[in-house]
Structures are given as C-alpha cells and as structure tokens.
Amino acid sequence: MTRHASFSQNVATPDPQLDRWLRNAVFAGLALSLLLPWRSEWLGFTPLWLLGMPLSAWWALHRFRLPVRQEPVPARRRRPGGQARRRRKPLAAKRFARAA
C-alpha cells in the first residue's frame, strides 16, 4: 500500500461477532420499543436507549461517515468600509440676538 493511500483503503473490516451482536441488539430494541411505553421511570425516552444507542454503535463499528450537506450555506458578505460613525449634532442657531 502506498504512503498516500486514501482513508477508505486503510479501514479494516469489523469484528463479525460484534457486528452480529449489535445487529441483534438493534432488532431486539426495535421489538422492545414497540412493546414498551415511550417514557419510562428507569430508562427515560425508551427509543433513544433501545434503538438510538445500538444504531449509533453499529454505525460507528462500520466507520460510516456522517452525511454531508448538499448545498453549502453562503457566507455573509460584508460591506466595504469601516465602522459607522455618529454624526455630531449641529449646534442650534440662536433664535434671538442678545440685546446689548
């Protein structure tokens, strides 16, 4: 293998026993989340612990990358120039001249 090989070529295959165990845990969690109530005193939100956590572990075992957003958000453009400055208030013209 060359020194500059891509990351995907260096990835080893996952352990088959762990893969089978996690797959069974996902299917058992699916069955239990359909049978148990969605909120539990002991577990809290049951689909998170019975489905979400085994699925994320299975995802990490296979080293899947997170999905990439298709359309990047455009960067905000800044106006040229510096910070805005306050204008000095014009001096009020004297209404009446003082008598001498």
N, C-alpha and C. Protein backbone atom coordinates (compact mmCIF):
# COMPACT_ATOMS: atom_id res chain seq x y z
N MET A 1 0.84 -1.17 0.00
CA MET A 1 0.00 0.00 0.00
C MET A 1 0.89 1.24 0.00
N THR A 2 0.50 2.21 -0.76
CA THR A 2 1.33 3.41 -0.84
C THR A 2 1.15 4.27 0.39
N ARG A 3 2.04 5.16 0.54
CA ARG A 3 2.01 6.03 1.71
C ARG A 3 0.84 7.00 1.67
N HIS A 4 0.45 7.42 0.48
CA HIS A 4 -0.62 8.41 0.32
C HIS A 4 -1.96 7.75 0.00
N ALA A 5 -2.19 6.58 0.50
CA ALA A 5 -3.46 5.89 0.22
C ALA A 5 -4.60 6.61 0.93
N SER A 6 -5.75 6.52 0.35
CA SER A 6 -6.90 7.21 0.96
C SER A 6 -7.33 6.49 2.23
N PHE A 7 -8.12 7.19 3.02
CA PHE A 7 -8.57 6.66 4.30
C PHE A 7 -9.40 5.41 4.13
N SER A 8 -10.23 5.34 3.09
CA SER A 8 -11.13 4.21 2.91
C SER A 8 -10.36 2.91 2.63
N GLN A 9 -9.16 2.99 2.12
CA GLN A 9 -8.39 1.78 1.85
C GLN A 9 -7.76 1.23 3.12
N ASN A 10 -7.59 2.06 4.14
CA ASN A 10 -6.94 1.63 5.37
C ASN A 10 -7.93 1.04 6.38
N VAL A 11 -9.21 1.08 6.11
CA VAL A 11 -10.22 0.64 7.05
C VAL A 11 -10.29 -0.88 7.06
N ALA A 12 -10.18 -1.44 8.26
CA ALA A 12 -10.28 -2.89 8.40
C ALA A 12 -11.75 -3.28 8.53
N THR A 13 -12.04 -4.53 8.23
CA THR A 13 -13.42 -5.00 8.37
C THR A 13 -13.74 -5.16 9.85
N PRO A 14 -14.99 -4.90 10.24
CA PRO A 14 -15.35 -5.02 11.66
C PRO A 14 -15.39 -6.47 12.11
N ASP A 15 -15.31 -6.65 13.41
CA ASP A 15 -15.36 -7.97 14.02
C ASP A 15 -16.74 -8.58 13.75
N PRO A 16 -16.83 -9.77 13.15
CA PRO A 16 -18.13 -10.34 12.80
C PRO A 16 -19.00 -10.65 14.02
N GLN A 17 -18.39 -11.06 15.14
CA GLN A 17 -19.19 -11.34 16.33
C GLN A 17 -19.83 -10.07 16.89
N LEU A 18 -19.05 -9.00 16.94
CA LEU A 18 -19.57 -7.73 17.43
C LEU A 18 -20.63 -7.18 16.48
N ASP A 19 -20.41 -7.36 15.19
CA ASP A 19 -21.40 -6.92 14.21
C ASP A 19 -22.71 -7.68 14.39
N ARG A 20 -22.64 -8.98 14.57
CA ARG A 20 -23.84 -9.78 14.77
C ARG A 20 -24.54 -9.40 16.08
N TRP A 21 -23.76 -9.17 17.14
CA TRP A 21 -24.33 -8.81 18.43
C TRP A 21 -25.05 -7.46 18.35
N LEU A 22 -24.43 -6.49 17.69
CA LEU A 22 -25.07 -5.16 17.56
C LEU A 22 -26.31 -5.22 16.68
N ARG A 23 -26.27 -6.02 15.62
CA ARG A 23 -27.45 -6.17 14.76
C ARG A 23 -28.60 -6.78 15.56
N ASN A 24 -28.30 -7.81 16.37
CA ASN A 24 -29.34 -8.40 17.22
C ASN A 24 -29.85 -7.41 18.26
N ALA A 25 -28.96 -6.57 18.80
CA ALA A 25 -29.38 -5.57 19.78
C ALA A 25 -30.30 -4.54 19.14
N VAL A 26 -30.05 -4.18 17.89
CA VAL A 26 -30.92 -3.23 17.18
C VAL A 26 -32.30 -3.84 16.97
N PHE A 27 -32.35 -5.08 16.53
CA PHE A 27 -33.66 -5.72 16.29
C PHE A 27 -34.41 -5.97 17.59
N ALA A 28 -33.70 -6.34 18.65
CA ALA A 28 -34.35 -6.53 19.95
C ALA A 28 -34.86 -5.19 20.48
N GLY A 29 -34.08 -4.13 20.30
CA GLY A 29 -34.51 -2.80 20.72
C GLY A 29 -35.72 -2.32 19.94
N LEU A 30 -35.79 -2.66 18.67
CA LEU A 30 -36.96 -2.31 17.87
C LEU A 30 -38.20 -3.00 18.40
N ALA A 31 -38.09 -4.29 18.69
CA ALA A 31 -39.23 -5.03 19.23
C ALA A 31 -39.63 -4.50 20.60
N LEU A 32 -38.67 -4.22 21.45
CA LEU A 32 -38.99 -3.72 22.79
C LEU A 32 -39.56 -2.31 22.76
N SER A 33 -39.09 -1.48 21.84
CA SER A 33 -39.63 -0.12 21.79
C SER A 33 -41.06 -0.11 21.27
N LEU A 34 -41.44 -1.15 20.51
CA LEU A 34 -42.83 -1.25 20.08
C LEU A 34 -43.73 -1.77 21.21
N LEU A 35 -43.16 -2.56 22.10
CA LEU A 35 -43.94 -3.14 23.19
C LEU A 35 -44.00 -2.26 24.44
N LEU A 36 -42.91 -1.58 24.75
CA LEU A 36 -42.85 -0.78 25.97
C LEU A 36 -43.41 0.63 25.73
N PRO A 37 -43.81 1.31 26.79
CA PRO A 37 -44.23 2.71 26.61
C PRO A 37 -43.04 3.58 26.22
N TRP A 38 -43.33 4.75 25.62
CA TRP A 38 -42.27 5.61 25.11
C TRP A 38 -41.50 6.29 26.22
N ARG A 39 -42.12 6.47 27.39
CA ARG A 39 -41.43 7.07 28.54
C ARG A 39 -41.39 6.03 29.64
N SER A 40 -40.29 5.97 30.34
CA SER A 40 -40.13 5.01 31.42
C SER A 40 -39.46 5.70 32.60
N GLU A 41 -39.80 5.26 33.82
CA GLU A 41 -39.16 5.81 35.01
C GLU A 41 -37.68 5.47 35.03
N TRP A 42 -37.33 4.29 34.60
CA TRP A 42 -35.94 3.84 34.67
C TRP A 42 -35.11 4.28 33.46
N LEU A 43 -35.70 4.20 32.28
CA LEU A 43 -34.93 4.48 31.07
C LEU A 43 -35.10 5.89 30.52
N GLY A 44 -36.18 6.56 30.85
CA GLY A 44 -36.44 7.85 30.24
C GLY A 44 -37.12 7.64 28.89
N PHE A 45 -36.60 8.24 27.84
CA PHE A 45 -37.15 8.09 26.49
C PHE A 45 -36.64 6.77 25.91
N THR A 46 -37.49 5.74 25.92
CA THR A 46 -37.03 4.39 25.58
C THR A 46 -36.50 4.22 24.15
N PRO A 47 -37.08 4.86 23.10
CA PRO A 47 -36.49 4.65 21.77
C PRO A 47 -35.04 5.13 21.67
N LEU A 48 -34.67 6.12 22.49
CA LEU A 48 -33.28 6.57 22.46
C LEU A 48 -32.35 5.45 22.91
N TRP A 49 -32.67 4.83 24.04
CA TRP A 49 -31.78 3.82 24.60
C TRP A 49 -31.92 2.46 23.92
N LEU A 50 -33.12 2.14 23.45
CA LEU A 50 -33.32 0.82 22.84
C LEU A 50 -33.02 0.79 21.35
N LEU A 51 -33.11 1.93 20.68
CA LEU A 51 -32.84 1.98 19.24
C LEU A 51 -31.68 2.90 18.88
N GLY A 52 -31.70 4.10 19.41
CA GLY A 52 -30.71 5.11 19.02
C GLY A 52 -29.28 4.73 19.37
N MET A 53 -29.08 4.27 20.60
CA MET A 53 -27.72 3.94 21.02
C MET A 53 -27.16 2.71 20.30
N PRO A 54 -27.91 1.60 20.17
CA PRO A 54 -27.35 0.48 19.39
C PRO A 54 -27.13 0.83 17.91
N LEU A 55 -28.02 1.66 17.34
CA LEU A 55 -27.82 2.06 15.94
C LEU A 55 -26.56 2.91 15.78
N SER A 56 -26.32 3.83 16.72
CA SER A 56 -25.11 4.66 16.61
C SER A 56 -23.85 3.82 16.83
N ALA A 57 -23.92 2.81 17.70
CA ALA A 57 -22.77 1.93 17.89
C ALA A 57 -22.51 1.10 16.64
N TRP A 58 -23.56 0.63 16.02
CA TRP A 58 -23.42 -0.15 14.79
C TRP A 58 -22.85 0.73 13.68
N TRP A 59 -23.32 1.98 13.62
CA TRP A 59 -22.82 2.96 12.64
C TRP A 59 -21.33 3.19 12.85
N ALA A 60 -20.93 3.35 14.11
CA ALA A 60 -19.52 3.61 14.41
C ALA A 60 -18.66 2.38 14.15
N LEU A 61 -19.21 1.19 14.34
CA LEU A 61 -18.45 -0.03 14.09
C LEU A 61 -18.04 -0.13 12.63
N HIS A 62 -18.93 0.27 11.75
CA HIS A 62 -18.64 0.20 10.32
C HIS A 62 -17.93 1.45 9.81
N ARG A 63 -17.68 2.40 10.71
CA ARG A 63 -16.98 3.64 10.38
C ARG A 63 -17.64 4.39 9.23
N PHE A 64 -18.94 4.46 9.28
CA PHE A 64 -19.64 5.24 8.27
C PHE A 64 -19.44 6.71 8.56
N ARG A 65 -19.28 7.47 7.53
CA ARG A 65 -19.13 8.90 7.71
C ARG A 65 -20.50 9.54 7.81
N LEU A 66 -20.55 10.66 8.50
CA LEU A 66 -21.80 11.39 8.62
C LEU A 66 -22.19 11.96 7.26
N PRO A 67 -23.48 12.07 6.98
CA PRO A 67 -23.89 12.63 5.70
C PRO A 67 -23.45 14.09 5.58
N VAL A 68 -23.07 14.47 4.38
CA VAL A 68 -22.61 15.83 4.12
C VAL A 68 -23.78 16.62 3.52
N ARG A 69 -23.91 17.86 3.98
CA ARG A 69 -24.96 18.71 3.40
C ARG A 69 -24.67 18.95 1.93
N GLN A 70 -25.70 18.92 1.12
CA GLN A 70 -25.52 19.08 -0.32
C GLN A 70 -25.22 20.53 -0.71
N GLU A 71 -25.99 21.47 -0.16
CA GLU A 71 -25.82 22.87 -0.53
C GLU A 71 -25.15 23.62 0.62
N PRO A 72 -23.95 24.12 0.41
CA PRO A 72 -23.31 24.87 1.49
C PRO A 72 -24.02 26.22 1.69
N VAL A 73 -24.02 26.66 2.91
CA VAL A 73 -24.63 27.94 3.23
C VAL A 73 -23.68 29.03 2.78
N PRO A 74 -24.17 29.99 1.98
CA PRO A 74 -23.26 31.05 1.52
C PRO A 74 -22.82 31.93 2.69
N ALA A 75 -21.58 32.36 2.64
CA ALA A 75 -21.05 33.23 3.69
C ALA A 75 -21.65 34.62 3.56
N ARG A 76 -21.85 35.26 4.70
CA ARG A 76 -22.39 36.61 4.68
C ARG A 76 -21.35 37.56 4.12
N ARG A 77 -21.80 38.42 3.23
CA ARG A 77 -20.89 39.39 2.66
C ARG A 77 -20.91 40.64 3.50
N ARG A 78 -19.76 41.20 3.72
CA ARG A 78 -19.66 42.43 4.48
C ARG A 78 -19.52 43.60 3.53
N ARG A 79 -20.10 44.70 3.93
CA ARG A 79 -19.96 45.92 3.12
C ARG A 79 -18.54 46.45 3.26
N PRO A 80 -18.03 47.03 2.20
CA PRO A 80 -16.69 47.61 2.31
C PRO A 80 -16.73 48.85 3.19
N GLY A 81 -15.65 49.13 3.82
CA GLY A 81 -15.57 50.33 4.65
C GLY A 81 -15.45 49.96 6.11
N GLY A 82 -15.34 50.98 6.89
CA GLY A 82 -15.14 50.75 8.31
C GLY A 82 -16.45 50.82 9.08
N GLN A 83 -16.28 50.96 10.36
CA GLN A 83 -17.43 51.05 11.26
C GLN A 83 -18.14 52.37 11.06
N ALA A 84 -19.44 52.36 11.22
CA ALA A 84 -20.22 53.59 11.08
C ALA A 84 -19.89 54.53 12.24
N ARG A 85 -19.87 55.81 11.96
CA ARG A 85 -19.57 56.81 12.97
C ARG A 85 -20.82 57.65 13.23
N ARG A 86 -20.94 58.11 14.45
CA ARG A 86 -22.05 59.01 14.77
C ARG A 86 -21.72 60.40 14.23
N ARG A 87 -22.76 61.07 13.76
CA ARG A 87 -22.58 62.44 13.31
C ARG A 87 -22.69 63.36 14.50
N ARG A 88 -21.93 64.42 14.46
CA ARG A 88 -22.05 65.42 15.52
C ARG A 88 -23.35 66.17 15.31
N LYS A 89 -24.00 66.43 16.40
CA LYS A 89 -25.25 67.18 16.33
C LYS A 89 -24.92 68.63 15.99
N PRO A 90 -25.58 69.19 14.99
CA PRO A 90 -25.27 70.58 14.64
C PRO A 90 -25.67 71.51 15.78
N LEU A 91 -24.87 72.53 15.98
CA LEU A 91 -25.16 73.50 17.03
C LEU A 91 -26.45 74.24 16.68
N ALA A 92 -27.30 74.38 17.66
CA ALA A 92 -28.57 75.08 17.41
C ALA A 92 -28.29 76.56 17.22
N ALA A 93 -28.87 77.10 16.19
CA ALA A 93 -28.69 78.53 15.93
C ALA A 93 -29.45 79.31 16.99
N LYS A 94 -28.85 80.39 17.44
CA LYS A 94 -29.51 81.16 18.47
C LYS A 94 -30.71 81.86 17.83
N ARG A 95 -31.83 81.76 18.52
CA ARG A 95 -33.06 82.34 17.96
C ARG A 95 -33.03 83.86 17.97
N PHE A 96 -32.69 84.37 19.09
CA PHE A 96 -32.72 85.84 19.21
C PHE A 96 -31.35 86.32 19.60
N ALA A 97 -30.99 87.42 18.99
CA ALA A 97 -29.72 88.02 19.36
C ALA A 97 -29.90 88.71 20.70
N ARG A 98 -28.88 88.67 21.48
CA ARG A 98 -28.97 89.31 22.77
C ARG A 98 -28.88 90.82 22.63
N ALA A 99 -29.64 91.47 23.45
CA ALA A 99 -29.60 92.93 23.42
C ALA A 99 -28.33 93.41 24.10
N ALA A 100 -27.78 94.45 23.54
CA ALA A 100 -26.54 94.96 24.10
C ALA A 100 -26.73 95.99 25.14
